[in-house]
Amino acid sequence: MRLKEIRVDRGISQLKLALDLNMNQNSISRYENGLREADYQTLIAFADYFQVSLDYLLERTDKPDFVSETGR
């Protein structure tokens, strides 16, 4: 998962991300270091927060395109 890459590129600290998503900083660190795998709900929260697709977040594509519910 490219969570750390996206977070650092956008200048967001682990603590800010954790607070914004009502998580704790240790969980963010564990996700970023591969010590813990995110569940579906958490993956969706990350994708929505950074406005990227799940495929981009999970490194299945290099295109970060985010498509809203309306397809726009």
N, C-alpha and C. Protein backbone atom coordinates (compact mmCIF):
# COMPACT_ATOMS: atom_id res chain seq x y z
N MET A 1 0.85 -1.17 0.00
CA MET A 1 0.00 0.00 0.00
C MET A 1 0.90 1.24 0.00
N ARG A 2 0.49 2.23 -0.77
CA ARG A 2 1.31 3.43 -0.89
C ARG A 2 0.83 4.57 0.03
N LEU A 3 0.30 4.22 1.17
CA LEU A 3 -0.21 5.21 2.12
C LEU A 3 0.86 6.23 2.52
N LYS A 4 2.02 5.76 2.89
CA LYS A 4 3.08 6.68 3.34
C LYS A 4 3.48 7.64 2.22
N GLU A 5 3.63 7.11 1.02
CA GLU A 5 4.01 7.93 -0.13
C GLU A 5 3.01 9.08 -0.34
N ILE A 6 1.74 8.76 -0.32
CA ILE A 6 0.71 9.78 -0.53
C ILE A 6 0.72 10.79 0.62
N ARG A 7 0.80 10.28 1.84
CA ARG A 7 0.77 11.15 3.01
C ARG A 7 1.94 12.13 3.00
N VAL A 8 3.15 11.63 2.75
CA VAL A 8 4.34 12.47 2.74
C VAL A 8 4.28 13.48 1.59
N ASP A 9 3.86 13.01 0.41
CA ASP A 9 3.75 13.91 -0.75
C ASP A 9 2.81 15.08 -0.47
N ARG A 10 1.81 14.85 0.34
CA ARG A 10 0.83 15.90 0.63
C ARG A 10 1.16 16.69 1.90
N GLY A 11 2.29 16.34 2.54
CA GLY A 11 2.74 17.08 3.71
C GLY A 11 1.87 16.89 4.94
N ILE A 12 1.32 15.70 5.08
CA ILE A 12 0.45 15.40 6.21
C ILE A 12 1.19 14.47 7.17
N SER A 13 1.18 14.81 8.44
CA SER A 13 1.85 13.97 9.43
C SER A 13 0.98 12.76 9.76
N GLN A 14 1.62 11.75 10.33
CA GLN A 14 0.86 10.59 10.79
C GLN A 14 -0.17 11.00 11.83
N LEU A 15 0.23 11.92 12.70
CA LEU A 15 -0.67 12.35 13.76
C LEU A 15 -1.89 13.07 13.18
N LYS A 16 -1.69 13.97 12.22
CA LYS A 16 -2.82 14.68 11.61
C LYS A 16 -3.76 13.70 10.92
N LEU A 17 -3.19 12.77 10.16
CA LEU A 17 -4.02 11.77 9.48
C LEU A 17 -4.82 10.97 10.49
N ALA A 18 -4.16 10.54 11.54
CA ALA A 18 -4.83 9.75 12.58
C ALA A 18 -5.97 10.56 13.22
N LEU A 19 -5.70 11.81 13.56
CA LEU A 19 -6.74 12.64 14.18
C LEU A 19 -7.89 12.89 13.22
N ASP A 20 -7.58 13.18 11.96
CA ASP A 20 -8.63 13.45 10.97
C ASP A 20 -9.52 12.24 10.74
N LEU A 21 -8.95 11.04 10.86
CA LEU A 21 -9.72 9.82 10.60
C LEU A 21 -10.15 9.10 11.88
N ASN A 22 -9.96 9.79 13.02
CA ASN A 22 -10.34 9.22 14.31
C ASN A 22 -9.67 7.86 14.56
N MET A 23 -8.37 7.82 14.30
CA MET A 23 -7.55 6.63 14.55
C MET A 23 -6.43 7.04 15.48
N ASN A 24 -5.54 6.10 15.79
CA ASN A 24 -4.36 6.51 16.55
C ASN A 24 -3.12 6.42 15.67
N GLN A 25 -2.12 7.17 16.04
CA GLN A 25 -0.92 7.29 15.23
C GLN A 25 -0.21 5.94 15.08
N ASN A 26 -0.25 5.10 16.10
CA ASN A 26 0.39 3.79 16.02
C ASN A 26 -0.22 2.94 14.91
N SER A 27 -1.51 3.03 14.74
CA SER A 27 -2.17 2.26 13.67
C SER A 27 -1.69 2.74 12.30
N ILE A 28 -1.59 4.05 12.12
CA ILE A 28 -1.11 4.59 10.85
C ILE A 28 0.30 4.07 10.58
N SER A 29 1.15 4.12 11.58
CA SER A 29 2.53 3.64 11.43
C SER A 29 2.56 2.16 11.06
N ARG A 30 1.73 1.37 11.69
CA ARG A 30 1.70 -0.07 11.40
C ARG A 30 1.20 -0.35 9.98
N TYR A 31 0.21 0.42 9.52
CA TYR A 31 -0.25 0.27 8.14
C TYR A 31 0.87 0.61 7.17
N GLU A 32 1.55 1.71 7.43
CA GLU A 32 2.61 2.17 6.53
C GLU A 32 3.80 1.22 6.49
N ASN A 33 4.07 0.56 7.59
CA ASN A 33 5.23 -0.34 7.65
C ASN A 33 4.88 -1.80 7.38
N GLY A 34 3.64 -2.06 7.00
CA GLY A 34 3.23 -3.41 6.65
C GLY A 34 3.10 -4.35 7.84
N LEU A 35 3.01 -3.79 9.03
CA LEU A 35 2.86 -4.62 10.23
C LEU A 35 1.41 -4.94 10.53
N ARG A 36 0.53 -4.23 9.83
CA ARG A 36 -0.91 -4.43 10.00
C ARG A 36 -1.58 -4.17 8.67
N GLU A 37 -2.61 -4.96 8.36
CA GLU A 37 -3.36 -4.76 7.13
C GLU A 37 -4.68 -4.07 7.45
N ALA A 38 -4.99 -3.08 6.63
CA ALA A 38 -6.23 -2.32 6.82
C ALA A 38 -7.43 -3.12 6.34
N ASP A 39 -8.54 -2.99 7.07
CA ASP A 39 -9.78 -3.62 6.63
C ASP A 39 -10.42 -2.75 5.54
N TYR A 40 -11.51 -3.23 4.97
CA TYR A 40 -12.16 -2.52 3.87
C TYR A 40 -12.57 -1.11 4.26
N GLN A 41 -13.18 -0.98 5.41
CA GLN A 41 -13.65 0.33 5.87
C GLN A 41 -12.49 1.32 6.00
N THR A 42 -11.37 0.86 6.51
CA THR A 42 -10.20 1.72 6.68
C THR A 42 -9.60 2.08 5.33
N LEU A 43 -9.52 1.12 4.42
CA LEU A 43 -9.01 1.40 3.08
C LEU A 43 -9.86 2.46 2.39
N ILE A 44 -11.16 2.34 2.51
CA ILE A 44 -12.07 3.31 1.90
C ILE A 44 -11.87 4.68 2.54
N ALA A 45 -11.68 4.71 3.85
CA ALA A 45 -11.45 5.99 4.54
C ALA A 45 -10.18 6.65 4.02
N PHE A 46 -9.11 5.88 3.83
CA PHE A 46 -7.86 6.43 3.29
C PHE A 46 -8.06 6.95 1.87
N ALA A 47 -8.72 6.16 1.04
CA ALA A 47 -8.94 6.56 -0.35
C ALA A 47 -9.79 7.82 -0.42
N ASP A 48 -10.83 7.89 0.38
CA ASP A 48 -11.69 9.07 0.39
C ASP A 48 -10.93 10.29 0.90
N TYR A 49 -10.14 10.12 1.94
CA TYR A 49 -9.39 11.22 2.54
C TYR A 49 -8.43 11.84 1.52
N PHE A 50 -7.72 10.99 0.79
CA PHE A 50 -6.73 11.48 -0.17
C PHE A 50 -7.32 11.66 -1.57
N GLN A 51 -8.59 11.32 -1.74
CA GLN A 51 -9.29 11.41 -3.01
C GLN A 51 -8.53 10.69 -4.13
N VAL A 52 -8.22 9.44 -3.84
CA VAL A 52 -7.59 8.55 -4.82
C VAL A 52 -8.42 7.26 -4.88
N SER A 53 -8.20 6.49 -5.93
CA SER A 53 -8.91 5.22 -6.04
C SER A 53 -8.29 4.18 -5.12
N LEU A 54 -9.07 3.18 -4.79
CA LEU A 54 -8.54 2.07 -4.00
C LEU A 54 -7.43 1.36 -4.77
N ASP A 55 -7.58 1.22 -6.07
CA ASP A 55 -6.54 0.58 -6.87
C ASP A 55 -5.22 1.34 -6.78
N TYR A 56 -5.27 2.65 -6.78
CA TYR A 56 -4.05 3.45 -6.65
C TYR A 56 -3.45 3.26 -5.26
N LEU A 57 -4.28 3.31 -4.25
CA LEU A 57 -3.82 3.14 -2.87
C LEU A 57 -3.16 1.78 -2.69
N LEU A 58 -3.72 0.76 -3.33
CA LEU A 58 -3.21 -0.61 -3.19
C LEU A 58 -2.16 -0.97 -4.24
N GLU A 59 -1.70 0.04 -4.99
CA GLU A 59 -0.64 -0.12 -5.98
C GLU A 59 -1.01 -1.06 -7.13
N ARG A 60 -2.31 -1.08 -7.46
CA ARG A 60 -2.75 -1.87 -8.61
C ARG A 60 -2.72 -1.05 -9.88
N THR A 61 -2.55 0.26 -9.74
CA THR A 61 -2.42 1.18 -10.87
C THR A 61 -1.58 2.36 -10.44
N ASP A 62 -1.02 3.04 -11.42
CA ASP A 62 -0.26 4.26 -11.12
C ASP A 62 -1.09 5.51 -11.38
N LYS A 63 -2.35 5.33 -11.73
CA LYS A 63 -3.25 6.46 -11.98
C LYS A 63 -4.10 6.70 -10.72
N PRO A 64 -3.91 7.86 -10.09
CA PRO A 64 -4.64 8.12 -8.84
C PRO A 64 -6.08 8.55 -9.02
N ASP A 65 -6.60 8.48 -10.24
CA ASP A 65 -7.94 8.99 -10.55
C ASP A 65 -8.97 8.52 -9.53
N PHE A 66 -9.72 9.48 -9.07
CA PHE A 66 -10.80 9.22 -8.14
C PHE A 66 -12.10 9.50 -8.86
N VAL A 67 -13.00 8.56 -8.85
CA VAL A 67 -14.30 8.75 -9.50
C VAL A 67 -15.35 8.83 -8.41
N SER A 68 -16.12 9.91 -8.40
CA SER A 68 -17.16 10.08 -7.41
C SER A 68 -18.34 9.17 -7.70
N GLU A 69 -19.30 9.18 -6.80
CA GLU A 69 -20.49 8.34 -6.97
C GLU A 69 -21.25 8.68 -8.24
N THR A 70 -21.15 9.92 -8.69
CA THR A 70 -21.88 10.32 -9.88
C THR A 70 -21.09 10.03 -11.16
N GLY A 71 -19.85 9.55 -11.00
CA GLY A 71 -19.03 9.23 -12.15
C GLY A 71 -18.31 10.42 -12.74
N ARG A 72 -18.32 11.54 -12.04
CA ARG A 72 -17.67 12.76 -12.52
C ARG A 72 -16.34 12.99 -11.86
